[in-house]
Amino acid sequence: MKIFHLAVILAPPGKNCTVLSSASDLSTFSFYQKGSVSEFMGFFSRTIVERTPQGQRQSVQENTYTAHVYNRGGAEQLAGVLIADQEYPVRPAFSLLTKLLDDFIAKVPQTSFSNPTSINFQEINIYLSKYQDPRQADAIMRVQQELDETKIVLHKTIESVLERGEKINDLVDRSTALSAQSKMFYKTAKKQNSCCVIM
């Protein structure tokens, strides 16, 4: 998964849009390709922002790239664009664009939008670097990964018990913590499950 380009764009309805701040990571391209790829990213960003109505989000695929656009609209008339490979998940992309636009509005006065060369928003480079890993943008993905890691640890713990030569049946039989009824339930359930094995 890779983010190639991130941009904040002034998008007044019915007018040409203007890039206010952008950052690119073109390290996977050769020296000779970087200039052309950079031009394409800028053109692609402006084109889809102009075709995304205010207040809407959309994802547009072009070759191996996917551009995620959030045209926030409102008084600021700003849009955010993230161009990534097709593997980058949609939800973290839009989460990142929302954070990016919120931060931009908080730190850059609207009066400077008319002169984009005067805008100094270095945070866009931090967003580009930090959110190469989509789990940083999306708390739900991060929690899911932590749950998956917990499952792996639990699975390894059970495997390590069985590797020492102990069998679950022996543990159940020797357990003083289980009632006779619980032991019977375990054995009955195991027999019923074993009868249905498909070969």
Protein backbone atom coordinates (compact mmCIF):
# COMPACT_ATOMS: atom_id res chain seq x y z
CA MET A 1 0.00 0.00 0.00
CA LYS A 2 1.35 3.39 -0.96
CA ILE A 3 0.20 7.01 -0.99
CA PHE A 4 1.79 8.86 -3.91
CA HIS A 5 0.19 12.30 -3.65
CA LEU A 6 -1.74 14.40 -1.16
CA ALA A 7 -3.21 17.84 -1.92
CA VAL A 8 -5.40 20.58 -0.48
CA ILE A 9 -7.22 22.38 -3.29
CA LEU A 10 -9.34 25.53 -3.41
CA ALA A 11 -12.44 24.43 -5.34
CA PRO A 12 -14.94 27.25 -5.94
CA PRO A 13 -18.01 25.87 -7.75
CA GLY A 14 -18.01 26.42 -11.51
CA LYS A 15 -14.46 27.84 -11.53
CA ASN A 16 -10.99 26.45 -12.04
CA CYS A 17 -9.49 25.02 -8.88
CA THR A 18 -6.15 25.99 -7.36
CA VAL A 19 -3.69 23.76 -5.51
CA LEU A 20 -2.94 25.41 -2.15
CA SER A 21 -0.64 22.76 -0.73
CA SER A 22 0.60 19.37 -1.92
CA ALA A 23 3.15 16.67 -1.17
CA SER A 24 4.27 13.67 -3.19
CA ASP A 25 6.24 10.50 -2.53
CA LEU A 26 7.55 9.36 -5.90
CA SER A 27 10.42 7.27 -4.55
CA THR A 28 9.15 4.15 -6.35
CA PHE A 29 9.57 5.84 -9.76
CA SER A 30 12.81 6.27 -11.67
CA PHE A 31 14.50 9.67 -11.92
CA TYR A 32 13.30 10.04 -15.51
CA GLN A 33 9.66 9.26 -14.64
CA LYS A 34 9.28 11.54 -11.61
CA GLY A 35 8.62 14.76 -13.54
CA SER A 36 5.91 13.20 -15.71
CA VAL A 37 4.31 11.37 -12.80
CA SER A 38 4.25 14.57 -10.72
CA GLU A 39 2.52 16.47 -13.55
CA PHE A 40 0.00 13.65 -13.96
CA MET A 41 -0.78 13.64 -10.21
CA GLY A 42 -1.44 17.39 -10.25
CA PHE A 43 -3.61 17.18 -13.37
CA PHE A 44 -5.51 14.15 -12.05
CA SER A 45 -6.13 15.90 -8.71
CA ARG A 46 -7.48 19.11 -10.24
CA THR A 47 -9.61 17.27 -12.79
CA ILE A 48 -11.48 15.09 -10.31
CA VAL A 49 -11.92 17.87 -7.76
CA GLU A 50 -13.63 19.99 -10.44
CA ARG A 51 -15.98 17.07 -11.10
CA THR A 52 -16.83 16.29 -7.47
CA PRO A 53 -19.81 18.26 -6.11
CA GLN A 54 -19.36 20.12 -2.83
CA GLY A 55 -20.08 18.04 0.26
CA GLN A 56 -19.35 14.76 -1.52
CA ARG A 57 -16.65 12.12 -1.51
CA GLN A 58 -15.69 9.83 -4.34
CA SER A 59 -12.97 7.45 -5.44
CA VAL A 60 -11.82 7.37 -9.04
CA GLN A 61 -9.56 4.72 -10.58
CA GLU A 62 -7.10 5.43 -13.36
CA ASN A 63 -4.73 2.64 -14.41
CA THR A 64 -3.09 1.42 -11.19
CA TYR A 65 -3.97 4.55 -9.21
CA THR A 66 -7.01 5.41 -7.13
CA ALA A 67 -7.77 9.03 -6.30
CA HIS A 68 -9.89 9.62 -3.22
CA VAL A 69 -11.51 13.05 -3.20
CA TYR A 70 -13.37 14.87 -0.46
CA ASN A 71 -14.85 18.17 -1.66
CA ARG A 72 -15.69 19.69 1.69
CA GLY A 73 -17.21 22.87 0.25
CA GLY A 74 -18.55 25.25 2.89
CA ALA A 75 -17.24 28.76 3.42
CA GLU A 76 -13.63 27.69 2.75
CA GLN A 77 -14.49 25.82 -0.50
CA LEU A 78 -11.67 23.34 0.08
CA ALA A 79 -11.17 19.83 -1.24
CA GLY A 80 -8.66 17.17 -0.32
CA VAL A 81 -7.17 14.60 -2.71
CA LEU A 82 -5.23 11.45 -1.91
CA ILE A 83 -3.78 9.43 -4.79
CA ALA A 84 -2.67 5.94 -3.83
CA ASP A 85 -2.32 2.47 -5.28
CA GLN A 86 -5.47 0.38 -5.52
CA GLU A 87 -4.64 -1.55 -2.33
CA TYR A 88 -4.95 1.49 -0.03
CA PRO A 89 -8.27 1.10 1.86
CA VAL A 90 -11.09 3.59 1.26
CA ARG A 91 -12.11 4.32 4.86
CA PRO A 92 -8.61 5.33 6.08
CA ALA A 93 -8.17 7.44 2.92
CA PHE A 94 -11.25 9.53 3.69
CA SER A 95 -10.39 9.65 7.39
CA LEU A 96 -6.99 11.09 6.46
CA LEU A 97 -8.54 13.66 4.09
CA THR A 98 -10.92 14.84 6.82
CA LYS A 99 -8.02 15.26 9.29
CA LEU A 100 -5.91 17.02 6.65
CA LEU A 101 -8.63 19.55 5.79
CA ASP A 102 -9.47 20.19 9.47
CA ASP A 103 -5.80 20.85 10.22
CA PHE A 104 -5.37 23.06 7.14
CA ILE A 105 -8.40 25.20 8.08
CA ALA A 106 -7.15 25.53 11.66
CA LYS A 107 -3.62 26.61 10.69
CA VAL A 108 -3.95 28.52 7.41
CA PRO A 109 -5.95 31.77 7.34
CA GLN A 110 -8.57 31.94 4.59
CA THR A 111 -7.23 35.32 3.49
CA SER A 112 -4.05 33.61 2.21
CA PHE A 113 -6.00 31.35 -0.20
CA SER A 114 -5.79 34.06 -2.89
CA ASN A 115 -1.98 33.79 -2.91
CA PRO A 116 -1.09 30.06 -2.79
CA THR A 117 2.66 30.70 -3.00
CA SER A 118 2.53 32.37 0.44
CA ILE A 119 0.97 29.31 2.12
CA ASN A 120 3.37 27.40 4.35
CA PHE A 121 1.68 24.17 5.44
CA GLN A 122 4.53 21.73 6.12
CA GLU A 123 2.17 19.38 8.00
CA ILE A 124 1.08 17.92 4.65
CA ASN A 125 4.49 16.23 4.38
CA ILE A 126 4.00 14.72 7.84
CA TYR A 127 0.57 13.39 6.86
CA LEU A 128 2.01 11.89 3.67
CA SER A 129 4.77 10.12 5.59
CA LYS A 130 2.80 9.04 8.66
CA TYR A 131 -0.26 7.69 6.88
CA GLN A 132 1.59 5.43 4.43
CA ASP A 133 0.40 2.87 6.98
CA PRO A 134 -3.43 3.11 6.80
CA ARG A 135 -3.78 1.88 10.38
CA GLN A 136 -2.49 5.29 11.52
CA ALA A 137 -5.47 6.98 9.86
CA ASP A 138 -8.13 4.55 10.96
CA ALA A 139 -8.68 3.60 14.59
CA ILE A 140 -10.99 0.71 13.62
CA MET A 141 -8.28 -0.89 11.47
CA ARG A 142 -5.78 -0.46 14.32
CA VAL A 143 -8.14 -2.13 16.81
CA GLN A 144 -8.81 -4.97 14.34
CA GLN A 145 -5.08 -5.57 13.92
CA GLU A 146 -4.63 -5.65 17.71
CA LEU A 147 -7.46 -8.21 17.96
CA ASP A 148 -5.89 -10.30 15.18
CA GLU A 149 -2.54 -10.22 17.00
CA THR A 150 -4.28 -11.32 20.22
CA LYS A 151 -5.86 -14.26 18.36
CA ILE A 152 -2.44 -15.28 17.07
CA VAL A 153 -0.95 -15.15 20.58
CA LEU A 154 -3.83 -17.20 22.00
CA HIS A 155 -3.55 -19.73 19.19
CA LYS A 156 0.19 -20.07 19.80
CA THR A 157 -0.44 -20.60 23.53
CA ILE A 158 -2.86 -23.48 22.85
CA GLU A 159 -0.43 -25.00 20.34
CA SER A 160 2.42 -24.83 22.84
CA VAL A 161 0.34 -26.74 25.44
CA LEU A 162 -0.41 -29.47 22.91
CA GLU A 163 3.22 -29.66 21.80
CA ARG A 164 4.31 -30.60 25.31
CA GLY A 165 2.42 -33.85 24.90
CA GLU A 166 -0.62 -32.92 26.93
CA LYS A 167 -4.00 -33.60 25.44
CA ILE A 168 -7.09 -31.57 26.12
CA ASN A 169 -8.98 -34.78 27.02
CA ASP A 170 -6.42 -35.60 29.73
CA LEU A 171 -6.61 -32.07 31.11
CA VAL A 172 -10.41 -32.24 31.28
CA ASP A 173 -10.32 -35.66 33.01
CA ARG A 174 -7.78 -34.49 35.64
CA SER A 175 -9.40 -31.13 36.30
CA THR A 176 -10.86 -30.64 39.75
CA ALA A 177 -12.30 -27.29 38.70
CA LEU A 178 -14.81 -28.90 36.33
CA SER A 179 -17.92 -30.59 37.61
CA ALA A 180 -18.83 -34.08 36.44
CA GLN A 181 -21.61 -32.51 34.38
CA SER A 182 -19.16 -30.16 32.57
CA LYS A 183 -16.79 -33.05 31.86
CA MET A 184 -19.70 -35.07 30.42
CA PHE A 185 -20.80 -32.09 28.29
CA TYR A 186 -17.27 -31.71 26.87
CA LYS A 187 -17.00 -35.41 25.99
CA THR A 188 -20.48 -35.51 24.43
CA ALA A 189 -19.81 -32.41 22.36
CA LYS A 190 -16.48 -33.82 21.19
CA LYS A 191 -18.11 -37.11 20.12
CA GLN A 192 -20.87 -35.31 18.23
CA ASN A 193 -18.37 -33.08 16.42
CA SER A 194 -16.10 -35.99 15.53
CA CYS A 195 -18.89 -37.95 13.86
CA CYS A 196 -19.34 -35.28 11.23
CA VAL A 197 -15.83 -35.16 9.78
CA ILE A 198 -15.87 -35.05 5.97
CA MET A 199 -13.10 -36.87 4.18
